[in-house]
PDB file of all heavy atoms in Angstrom:
ATOM      1  N   ALA A   1     133.940 187.174 137.879  1.00  0.00           N
ATOM      2  CA  ALA A   1     135.103 186.921 138.828  1.00  0.00           C
ATOM      3  C   ALA A   1     136.419 187.324 138.052  1.00  0.00           C
ATOM      4  O   ALA A   1     136.405 187.681 136.894  1.00  0.00           O
ATOM      5  CB  ALA A   1     135.093 185.423 139.211  1.00  0.00           C
ATOM      6  N   THR A   2     137.480 187.256 138.783  1.00  0.00           N
ATOM      7  CA  THR A   2     138.782 187.604 138.271  1.00  0.00           C
ATOM      8  C   THR A   2     139.123 186.569 137.159  1.00  0.00           C
ATOM      9  O   THR A   2     138.671 185.441 137.157  1.00  0.00           O
ATOM     10  CB  THR A   2     139.849 187.632 139.336  1.00  0.00           C
ATOM     11  OG1 THR A   2     140.093 186.231 139.786  1.00  0.00           O
ATOM     12  CG2 THR A   2     139.538 188.485 140.485  1.00  0.00           C
ATOM     13  N   PRO A   3     140.074 186.945 136.250  1.00  0.00           N
ATOM     14  CA  PRO A   3     140.430 186.043 135.187  1.00  0.00           C
ATOM     15  C   PRO A   3     140.937 184.664 135.749  1.00  0.00           C
ATOM     16  O   PRO A   3     140.628 183.648 135.199  1.00  0.00           O
ATOM     17  CB  PRO A   3     141.567 186.773 134.446  1.00  0.00           C
ATOM     18  CG  PRO A   3     141.198 188.221 134.653  1.00  0.00           C
ATOM     19  CD  PRO A   3     140.620 188.304 136.011  1.00  0.00           C
ATOM     20  N   ILE A   4     141.785 184.725 136.755  1.00  0.00           N
ATOM     21  CA  ILE A   4     142.285 183.475 137.355  1.00  0.00           C
ATOM     22  C   ILE A   4     141.150 182.661 137.916  1.00  0.00           C
ATOM     23  O   ILE A   4     141.109 181.420 137.716  1.00  0.00           O
ATOM     24  CB  ILE A   4     143.380 183.770 138.398  1.00  0.00           C
ATOM     25  CG1 ILE A   4     144.607 184.341 137.773  1.00  0.00           C
ATOM     26  CG2 ILE A   4     143.767 182.503 139.182  1.00  0.00           C
ATOM     27  CD1 ILE A   4     145.670 184.637 138.747  1.00  0.00           C
ATOM     28  N   GLU A   5     140.251 183.251 138.658  1.00  0.00           N
ATOM     29  CA  GLU A   5     139.108 182.486 139.272  1.00  0.00           C
ATOM     30  C   GLU A   5     138.270 181.905 138.175  1.00  0.00           C
ATOM     31  O   GLU A   5     137.871 180.725 138.266  1.00  0.00           O
ATOM     32  CB  GLU A   5     138.282 183.442 140.124  1.00  0.00           C
ATOM     33  CG  GLU A   5     138.941 183.900 141.405  1.00  0.00           C
ATOM     34  CD  GLU A   5     138.167 184.991 142.076  1.00  0.00           C
ATOM     35  OE1 GLU A   5     137.439 185.749 141.438  1.00  0.00           O
ATOM     36  OE2 GLU A   5     138.297 185.047 143.345  1.00  0.00           O
ATOM     37  N   ARG A   6     138.076 182.617 137.121  1.00  0.00           N
ATOM     38  CA  ARG A   6     137.219 182.138 136.012  1.00  0.00           C
ATOM     39  C   ARG A   6     137.911 180.895 135.337  1.00  0.00           C
ATOM     40  O   ARG A   6     137.309 179.885 134.982  1.00  0.00           O
ATOM     41  CB  ARG A   6     136.889 183.215 135.024  1.00  0.00           C
ATOM     42  CG  ARG A   6     135.801 184.114 135.510  1.00  0.00           C
ATOM     43  CD  ARG A   6     135.938 185.551 135.019  1.00  0.00           C
ATOM     44  NE  ARG A   6     136.247 185.637 133.593  1.00  0.00           N
ATOM     45  CZ  ARG A   6     136.792 186.704 133.018  1.00  0.00           C
ATOM     46  NH1 ARG A   6     137.214 187.659 133.729  1.00  0.00           N
ATOM     47  NH2 ARG A   6     136.999 186.724 131.741  1.00  0.00           N
ATOM     48  N   MET A   7     139.178 181.051 135.162  1.00  0.00           N
ATOM     49  CA  MET A   7     139.926 179.974 134.478  1.00  0.00           C
ATOM     50  C   MET A   7     139.984 178.683 135.289  1.00  0.00           C
ATOM     51  O   MET A   7     139.826 177.597 134.848  1.00  0.00           O
ATOM     52  CB  MET A   7     141.402 180.468 134.141  1.00  0.00           C
ATOM     53  CG  MET A   7     142.126 179.463 133.244  1.00  0.00           C
ATOM     54  SD  MET A   7     141.424 179.350 131.590  1.00  0.00           S
ATOM     55  CE  MET A   7     141.897 180.933 130.906  1.00  0.00           C
ATOM     56  N   VAL A   8     140.135 178.873 136.614  1.00  0.00           N
ATOM     57  CA  VAL A   8     140.218 177.772 137.536  1.00  0.00           C
ATOM     58  C   VAL A   8     138.794 177.046 137.500  1.00  0.00           C
ATOM     59  O   VAL A   8     138.716 175.832 137.515  1.00  0.00           O
ATOM     60  CB  VAL A   8     140.564 178.178 138.955  1.00  0.00           C
ATOM     61  CG1 VAL A   8     140.360 177.119 139.922  1.00  0.00           C
ATOM     62  CG2 VAL A   8     142.066 178.626 138.977  1.00  0.00           C
ATOM     63  N   SER A   9     137.743 177.846 137.548  1.00  0.00           N
ATOM     64  CA  SER A   9     136.428 177.208 137.471  1.00  0.00           C
ATOM     65  C   SER A   9     136.124 176.497 136.209  1.00  0.00           C
ATOM     66  O   SER A   9     135.510 175.436 136.191  1.00  0.00           O
ATOM     67  CB  SER A   9     135.390 178.360 137.724  1.00  0.00           C
ATOM     68  OG  SER A   9     135.475 178.946 138.993  1.00  0.00           O
ATOM     69  N   PHE A  10     136.588 177.045 135.077  1.00  0.00           N
ATOM     70  CA  PHE A  10     136.470 176.435 133.831  1.00  0.00           C
ATOM     71  C   PHE A  10     137.190 175.060 133.751  1.00  0.00           C
ATOM     72  O   PHE A  10     136.659 174.060 133.343  1.00  0.00           O
ATOM     73  CB  PHE A  10     136.993 177.357 132.733  1.00  0.00           C
ATOM     74  CG  PHE A  10     137.189 176.718 131.362  1.00  0.00           C
ATOM     75  CD1 PHE A  10     136.141 176.317 130.665  1.00  0.00           C
ATOM     76  CD2 PHE A  10     138.454 176.541 130.903  1.00  0.00           C
ATOM     77  CE1 PHE A  10     136.315 175.677 129.401  1.00  0.00           C
ATOM     78  CE2 PHE A  10     138.716 175.993 129.621  1.00  0.00           C
ATOM     79  CZ  PHE A  10     137.673 175.500 128.903  1.00  0.00           C
ATOM     80  N   ILE A  11     138.443 175.079 134.235  1.00  0.00           N
ATOM     81  CA  ILE A  11     139.214 173.897 134.208  1.00  0.00           C
ATOM     82  C   ILE A  11     138.623 172.792 135.132  1.00  0.00           C
ATOM     83  O   ILE A  11     138.544 171.641 134.784  1.00  0.00           O
ATOM     84  CB  ILE A  11     140.698 174.160 134.675  1.00  0.00           C
ATOM     85  CG1 ILE A  11     141.426 175.024 133.602  1.00  0.00           C
ATOM     86  CG2 ILE A  11     141.485 172.885 134.902  1.00  0.00           C
ATOM     87  CD1 ILE A  11     142.774 175.533 134.100  1.00  0.00           C
ATOM     88  N   HIS A  12     138.144 173.267 136.313  1.00  0.00           N
ATOM     89  CA  HIS A  12     137.525 172.369 137.255  1.00  0.00           C
ATOM     90  C   HIS A  12     136.268 171.698 136.610  1.00  0.00           C
ATOM     91  O   HIS A  12     136.055 170.471 136.764  1.00  0.00           O
ATOM     92  CB  HIS A  12     137.102 173.105 138.479  1.00  0.00           C
ATOM     93  CG  HIS A  12     136.380 172.177 139.508  1.00  0.00           C
ATOM     94  ND1 HIS A  12     137.024 171.240 140.244  1.00  0.00           N
ATOM     95  CD2 HIS A  12     135.055 172.170 139.861  1.00  0.00           C
ATOM     96  CE1 HIS A  12     136.171 170.694 141.051  1.00  0.00           C
ATOM     97  NE2 HIS A  12     134.979 171.192 140.826  1.00  0.00           N
ATOM     98  N   GLU A  13     135.444 172.442 135.925  1.00  0.00           N
ATOM     99  CA  GLU A  13     134.244 171.907 135.315  1.00  0.00           C
ATOM    100  C   GLU A  13     134.618 170.870 134.250  1.00  0.00           C
ATOM    101  O   GLU A  13     133.978 169.782 134.171  1.00  0.00           O
ATOM    102  CB  GLU A  13     133.318 173.022 134.772  1.00  0.00           C
ATOM    103  CG  GLU A  13     132.049 172.415 134.175  1.00  0.00           C
ATOM    104  CD  GLU A  13     131.010 173.492 133.870  1.00  0.00           C
ATOM    105  OE1 GLU A  13     131.168 174.636 134.375  1.00  0.00           O
ATOM    106  OE2 GLU A  13     130.069 173.217 133.091  1.00  0.00           O
ATOM    107  N   VAL A  14     135.531 171.194 133.429  1.00  0.00           N
ATOM    108  CA  VAL A  14     135.967 170.262 132.343  1.00  0.00           C
ATOM    109  C   VAL A  14     136.516 169.005 132.917  1.00  0.00           C
ATOM    110  O   VAL A  14     136.255 167.944 132.391  1.00  0.00           O
ATOM    111  CB  VAL A  14     137.023 170.967 131.448  1.00  0.00           C
ATOM    112  CG1 VAL A  14     137.545 169.987 130.435  1.00  0.00           C
ATOM    113  CG2 VAL A  14     136.365 172.155 130.700  1.00  0.00           C
ATOM    114  N   ASN A  15     137.334 169.099 134.012  1.00  0.00           N
ATOM    115  CA  ASN A  15     137.975 167.896 134.566  1.00  0.00           C
ATOM    116  C   ASN A  15     137.048 167.032 135.448  1.00  0.00           C
ATOM    117  O   ASN A  15     137.386 165.925 135.715  1.00  0.00           O
ATOM    118  CB  ASN A  15     139.184 168.371 135.397  1.00  0.00           C
ATOM    119  CG  ASN A  15     140.363 168.742 134.540  1.00  0.00           C
ATOM    120  OD1 ASN A  15     140.425 168.399 133.343  1.00  0.00           O
ATOM    121  ND2 ASN A  15     141.279 169.498 135.161  1.00  0.00           N
ATOM    122  N   THR A  16     135.937 167.664 135.921  1.00  0.00           N
ATOM    123  CA  THR A  16     135.159 166.829 136.821  1.00  0.00           C
ATOM    124  C   THR A  16     133.792 166.411 136.228  1.00  0.00           C
ATOM    125  O   THR A  16     133.140 165.575 136.856  1.00  0.00           O
ATOM    126  CB  THR A  16     134.819 167.658 138.083  1.00  0.00           C
ATOM    127  OG1 THR A  16     134.205 168.931 137.695  1.00  0.00           O
ATOM    128  CG2 THR A  16     136.099 168.002 138.887  1.00  0.00           C
ATOM    129  N   LYS A  17     133.478 166.865 135.091  1.00  0.00           N
ATOM    130  CA  LYS A  17     132.245 166.465 134.448  1.00  0.00           C
ATOM    131  C   LYS A  17     132.552 165.655 133.129  1.00  0.00           C
ATOM    132  O   LYS A  17     133.570 165.857 132.518  1.00  0.00           O
ATOM    133  CB  LYS A  17     131.335 167.649 134.039  1.00  0.00           C
ATOM    134  CG  LYS A  17     130.843 168.419 135.291  1.00  0.00           C
ATOM    135  CD  LYS A  17     129.874 169.584 134.873  1.00  0.00           C
ATOM    136  CE  LYS A  17     129.331 170.248 136.106  1.00  0.00           C
ATOM    137  NZ  LYS A  17     128.379 171.353 135.714  1.00  0.00           N
ATOM    138  N   ASN A  18     131.641 164.737 132.806  1.00  0.00           N
ATOM    139  CA  ASN A  18     131.817 163.976 131.597  1.00  0.00           C
ATOM    140  C   ASN A  18     131.388 164.767 130.389  1.00  0.00           C
ATOM    141  O   ASN A  18     130.237 164.657 129.906  1.00  0.00           O
ATOM    142  CB  ASN A  18     130.999 162.672 131.688  1.00  0.00           C
ATOM    143  CG  ASN A  18     131.449 161.816 132.806  1.00  0.00           C
ATOM    144  OD1 ASN A  18     132.631 161.642 133.032  1.00  0.00           O
ATOM    145  ND2 ASN A  18     130.501 161.116 133.541  1.00  0.00           N
ATOM    146  N   VAL A  19     132.222 165.557 129.877  1.00  0.00           N
ATOM    147  CA  VAL A  19     131.899 166.601 128.844  1.00  0.00           C
ATOM    148  C   VAL A  19     132.284 166.027 127.436  1.00  0.00           C
ATOM    149  O   VAL A  19     131.756 166.557 126.392  1.00  0.00           O
ATOM    150  CB  VAL A  19     132.556 167.941 129.058  1.00  0.00           C
ATOM    151  CG1 VAL A  19     132.160 168.488 130.390  1.00  0.00           C
ATOM    152  CG2 VAL A  19     134.101 167.833 128.945  1.00  0.00           C
ATOM    153  N   PHE A  20     133.069 164.972 127.366  1.00  0.00           N
ATOM    154  CA  PHE A  20     133.511 164.571 126.023  1.00  0.00           C
ATOM    155  C   PHE A  20     132.756 163.343 125.519  1.00  0.00           C
ATOM    156  O   PHE A  20     132.237 162.539 126.345  1.00  0.00           O
ATOM    157  CB  PHE A  20     135.028 164.141 126.070  1.00  0.00           C
ATOM    158  CG  PHE A  20     135.901 165.299 126.389  1.00  0.00           C
ATOM    159  CD1 PHE A  20     136.778 165.304 127.521  1.00  0.00           C
ATOM    160  CD2 PHE A  20     135.875 166.437 125.616  1.00  0.00           C
ATOM    161  CE1 PHE A  20     137.558 166.329 127.830  1.00  0.00           C
ATOM    162  CE2 PHE A  20     136.711 167.594 125.876  1.00  0.00           C
ATOM    163  CZ  PHE A  20     137.566 167.487 127.018  1.00  0.00           C
ATOM    164  N   VAL A  21     132.619 163.240 124.247  1.00  0.00           N
ATOM    165  CA  VAL A  21     131.988 162.080 123.606  1.00  0.00           C
ATOM    166  C   VAL A  21     132.789 160.800 123.948  1.00  0.00           C
ATOM    167  O   VAL A  21     133.941 160.741 123.817  1.00  0.00           O
ATOM    168  CB  VAL A  21     131.941 162.222 122.075  1.00  0.00           C
ATOM    169  CG1 VAL A  21     131.307 160.972 121.409  1.00  0.00           C
ATOM    170  CG2 VAL A  21     131.095 163.505 121.691  1.00  0.00           C
ATOM    171  N   ARG A  22     132.080 159.760 124.292  1.00  0.00           N
ATOM    172  CA  ARG A  22     132.698 158.496 124.618  1.00  0.00           C
ATOM    173  C   ARG A  22     132.003 157.387 123.855  1.00  0.00           C
ATOM    174  O   ARG A  22     130.844 157.272 123.875  1.00  0.00           O
ATOM    175  CB  ARG A  22     132.594 158.125 126.169  1.00  0.00           C
ATOM    176  CG  ARG A  22     133.394 159.044 127.017  1.00  0.00           C
ATOM    177  CD  ARG A  22     134.893 158.658 126.817  1.00  0.00           C
ATOM    178  NE  ARG A  22     135.805 159.542 127.609  1.00  0.00           N
ATOM    179  CZ  ARG A  22     136.468 160.573 127.116  1.00  0.00           C
ATOM    180  NH1 ARG A  22     136.231 160.913 125.854  1.00  0.00           N
ATOM    181  NH2 ARG A  22     137.281 161.253 127.829  1.00  0.00           N
ATOM    182  N   ARG A  23     132.836 156.635 123.124  1.00  0.00           N
ATOM    183  CA  ARG A  23     132.251 155.513 122.375  1.00  0.00           C
ATOM    184  C   ARG A  23     133.325 154.407 122.127  1.00  0.00           C
ATOM    185  O   ARG A  23     134.500 154.690 122.282  1.00  0.00           O
ATOM    186  CB  ARG A  23     131.717 155.995 120.981  1.00  0.00           C
ATOM    187  CG  ARG A  23     132.816 156.402 120.017  1.00  0.00           C
ATOM    188  CD  ARG A  23     132.313 156.702 118.657  1.00  0.00           C
ATOM    189  NE  ARG A  23     131.685 158.011 118.553  1.00  0.00           N
ATOM    190  CZ  ARG A  23     130.420 158.252 118.356  1.00  0.00           C
ATOM    191  NH1 ARG A  23     129.553 157.246 118.263  1.00  0.00           N
ATOM    192  NH2 ARG A  23     129.921 159.442 118.237  1.00  0.00           N
ATOM    193  N   LEU A  24     132.851 153.207 121.865  1.00  0.00           N
ATOM    194  CA  LEU A  24     133.738 152.164 121.424  1.00  0.00           C
ATOM    195  C   LEU A  24     134.002 152.305 119.939  1.00  0.00           C
ATOM    196  O   LEU A  24     133.196 151.961 119.112  1.00  0.00           O
ATOM    197  CB  LEU A  24     133.143 150.771 121.737  1.00  0.00           C
ATOM    198  CG  LEU A  24     133.027 150.397 123.241  1.00  0.00           C
ATOM    199  CD1 LEU A  24     132.421 148.994 123.404  1.00  0.00           C
ATOM    200  CD2 LEU A  24     134.385 150.467 123.946  1.00  0.00           C
ATOM    201  N   ASN A  25     135.096 152.887 119.565  1.00  0.00           N
ATOM    202  CA  ASN A  25     135.418 153.046 118.182  1.00  0.00           C
ATOM    203  C   ASN A  25     135.791 151.766 117.561  1.00  0.00           C
ATOM    204  O   ASN A  25     136.081 150.787 118.181  1.00  0.00           O
ATOM    205  CB  ASN A  25     136.578 154.042 118.024  1.00  0.00           C
ATOM    206  CG  ASN A  25     136.242 155.509 118.416  1.00  0.00           C
ATOM    207  OD1 ASN A  25     135.613 156.187 117.586  1.00  0.00           O
ATOM    208  ND2 ASN A  25     136.493 155.923 119.609  1.00  0.00           N
ATOM    209  N   PRO A  26     135.703 151.717 116.172  1.00  0.00           N
ATOM    210  CA  PRO A  26     135.924 150.419 115.426  1.00  0.00           C
ATOM    211  C   PRO A  26     137.247 149.756 115.790  1.00  0.00           C
ATOM    212  O   PRO A  26     137.331 148.568 115.834  1.00  0.00           O
ATOM    213  CB  PRO A  26     135.929 150.898 113.974  1.00  0.00           C
ATOM    214  CG  PRO A  26     135.005 152.076 113.910  1.00  0.00           C
ATOM    215  CD  PRO A  26     135.287 152.769 115.271  1.00  0.00           C
ATOM    216  N   GLN A  27     138.302 150.562 115.990  1.00  0.00           N
ATOM    217  CA  GLN A  27     139.556 150.019 116.288  1.00  0.00           C
ATOM    218  C   GLN A  27     139.626 149.287 117.683  1.00  0.00           C
ATOM    219  O   GLN A  27     140.269 148.273 117.879  1.00  0.00           O
ATOM    220  CB  GLN A  27     140.674 151.096 116.262  1.00  0.00           C
ATOM    221  CG  GLN A  27     140.823 151.776 114.942  1.00  0.00           C
ATOM    222  CD  GLN A  27     139.785 152.858 114.691  1.00  0.00           C
ATOM    223  OE1 GLN A  27     139.253 153.493 115.669  1.00  0.00           O
ATOM    224  NE2 GLN A  27     139.388 153.086 113.422  1.00  0.00           N
ATOM    225  N   ILE A  28     138.845 149.859 118.655  1.00  0.00           N
ATOM    226  CA  ILE A  28     138.809 149.254 119.927  1.00  0.00           C
ATOM    227  C   ILE A  28     137.906 148.049 119.962  1.00  0.00           C
ATOM    228  O   ILE A  28     138.229 147.020 120.610  1.00  0.00           O
ATOM    229  CB  ILE A  28     138.271 150.309 120.972  1.00  0.00           C
ATOM    230  CG1 ILE A  28     139.305 151.470 121.157  1.00  0.00           C
ATOM    231  CG2 ILE A  28     138.052 149.602 122.343  1.00  0.00           C
ATOM    232  CD1 ILE A  28     140.665 151.076 121.483  1.00  0.00           C
ATOM    233  N   ILE A  29     136.822 148.118 119.217  1.00  0.00           N
ATOM    234  CA  ILE A  29     135.999 146.918 119.039  1.00  0.00           C
ATOM    235  C   ILE A  29     136.813 145.761 118.395  1.00  0.00           C
ATOM    236  O   ILE A  29     136.719 144.615 118.864  1.00  0.00           O
ATOM    237  CB  ILE A  29     134.753 147.256 118.176  1.00  0.00           C
ATOM    238  CG1 ILE A  29     133.827 148.214 118.920  1.00  0.00           C
ATOM    239  CG2 ILE A  29     133.989 145.962 117.816  1.00  0.00           C
ATOM    240  CD1 ILE A  29     132.643 148.689 118.098  1.00  0.00           C
ATOM    241  N   ALA A  30     137.607 146.070 117.356  1.00  0.00           N
ATOM    242  CA  ALA A  30     138.415 145.108 116.790  1.00  0.00           C
ATOM    243  C   ALA A  30     139.452 144.511 117.742  1.00  0.00           C
ATOM    244  O   ALA A  30     139.718 143.292 117.756  1.00  0.00           O
ATOM    245  CB  ALA A  30     139.136 145.711 115.517  1.00  0.00           C
ATOM    246  N   MET A  31     140.061 145.347 118.599  1.00  0.00           N
ATOM    247  CA  MET A  31     140.938 144.857 119.607  1.00  0.00           C
ATOM    248  C   MET A  31     140.314 143.856 120.564  1.00  0.00           C
ATOM    249  O   MET A  31     140.878 142.754 120.796  1.00  0.00           O
ATOM    250  CB  MET A  31     141.542 146.064 120.410  1.00  0.00           C
ATOM    251  CG  MET A  31     142.581 145.596 121.459  1.00  0.00           C
ATOM    252  SD  MET A  31     143.141 146.954 122.504  1.00  0.00           S
ATOM    253  CE  MET A  31     141.720 147.187 123.584  1.00  0.00           C
ATOM    254  N   PHE A  32     139.072 144.207 121.117  1.00  0.00           N
ATOM    255  CA  PHE A  32     138.458 143.274 121.983  1.00  0.00           C
ATOM    256  C   PHE A  32     138.085 142.010 121.316  1.00  0.00           C
ATOM    257  O   PHE A  32     138.214 140.880 121.854  1.00  0.00           O
ATOM    258  CB  PHE A  32     137.220 144.010 122.601  1.00  0.00           C
ATOM    259  CG  PHE A  32     137.530 145.000 123.662  1.00  0.00           C
ATOM    260  CD1 PHE A  32     137.039 146.239 123.591  1.00  0.00           C
ATOM    261  CD2 PHE A  32     138.442 144.733 124.710  1.00  0.00           C
ATOM    262  CE1 PHE A  32     137.345 147.237 124.553  1.00  0.00           C
ATOM    263  CE2 PHE A  32     138.773 145.674 125.626  1.00  0.00           C
ATOM    264  CZ  PHE A  32     138.233 146.915 125.599  1.00  0.00           C
ATOM    265  N   GLU A  33     137.614 142.038 120.084  1.00  0.00           N
ATOM    266  CA  GLU A  33     137.187 140.870 119.324  1.00  0.00           C
ATOM    267  C   GLU A  33     138.378 140.017 119.017  1.00  0.00           C
ATOM    268  O   GLU A  33     138.255 138.811 119.034  1.00  0.00           O
ATOM    269  CB  GLU A  33     136.466 141.277 118.079  1.00  0.00           C
ATOM    270  CG  GLU A  33     135.095 141.907 118.391  1.00  0.00           C
ATOM    271  CD  GLU A  33     134.352 142.301 117.106  1.00  0.00           C
ATOM    272  OE1 GLU A  33     134.997 142.397 116.024  1.00  0.00           O
ATOM    273  OE2 GLU A  33     133.092 142.411 117.207  1.00  0.00           O
ATOM    274  N   HIS A  34     139.521 140.576 118.703  1.00  0.00           N
ATOM    275  CA  HIS A  34     140.724 139.728 118.457  1.00  0.00           C
ATOM    276  C   HIS A  34     141.258 139.063 119.721  1.00  0.00           C
ATOM    277  O   HIS A  34     141.755 138.018 119.647  1.00  0.00           O
ATOM    278  CB  HIS A  34     141.867 140.641 117.862  1.00  0.00           C
ATOM    279  CG  HIS A  34     141.727 140.819 116.401  1.00  0.00           C
ATOM    280  ND1 HIS A  34     140.871 141.698 115.744  1.00  0.00           N
ATOM    281  CD2 HIS A  34     142.402 140.237 115.344  1.00  0.00           C
ATOM    282  CE1 HIS A  34     141.016 141.724 114.462  1.00  0.00           C
ATOM    283  NE2 HIS A  34     141.933 140.771 114.163  1.00  0.00           N
ATOM    284  N   LEU A  35     141.125 139.781 120.868  1.00  0.00           N
ATOM    285  CA  LEU A  35     141.715 139.210 122.104  1.00  0.00           C
ATOM    286  C   LEU A  35     140.755 138.318 122.893  1.00  0.00           C
ATOM    287  O   LEU A  35     141.188 137.571 123.723  1.00  0.00           O
ATOM    288  CB  LEU A  35     142.131 140.401 123.003  1.00  0.00           C
ATOM    289  CG  LEU A  35     143.305 141.293 122.463  1.00  0.00           C
ATOM    290  CD1 LEU A  35     143.598 142.367 123.418  1.00  0.00           C
ATOM    291  CD2 LEU A  35     144.521 140.453 122.147  1.00  0.00           C
ATOM    292  N   ALA A  36     139.433 138.447 122.595  1.00  0.00           N
ATOM    293  CA  ALA A  36     138.408 137.725 123.367  1.00  0.00           C
ATOM    294  C   ALA A  36     138.716 136.248 123.470  1.00  0.00           C
ATOM    295  O   ALA A  36     138.537 135.602 124.552  1.00  0.00           O
ATOM    296  CB  ALA A  36     137.035 138.008 122.787  1.00  0.00           C
TER     297      ALA A  36
END
């Protein structure tokens, strides 16, 4: 497809799919434990 069409498709896939690693990092765990 054209460069613009390909770029739009790429952005759409990144923004609509869960592509990134997700975890409760130590700092967030510590926050919840302090506030609980």
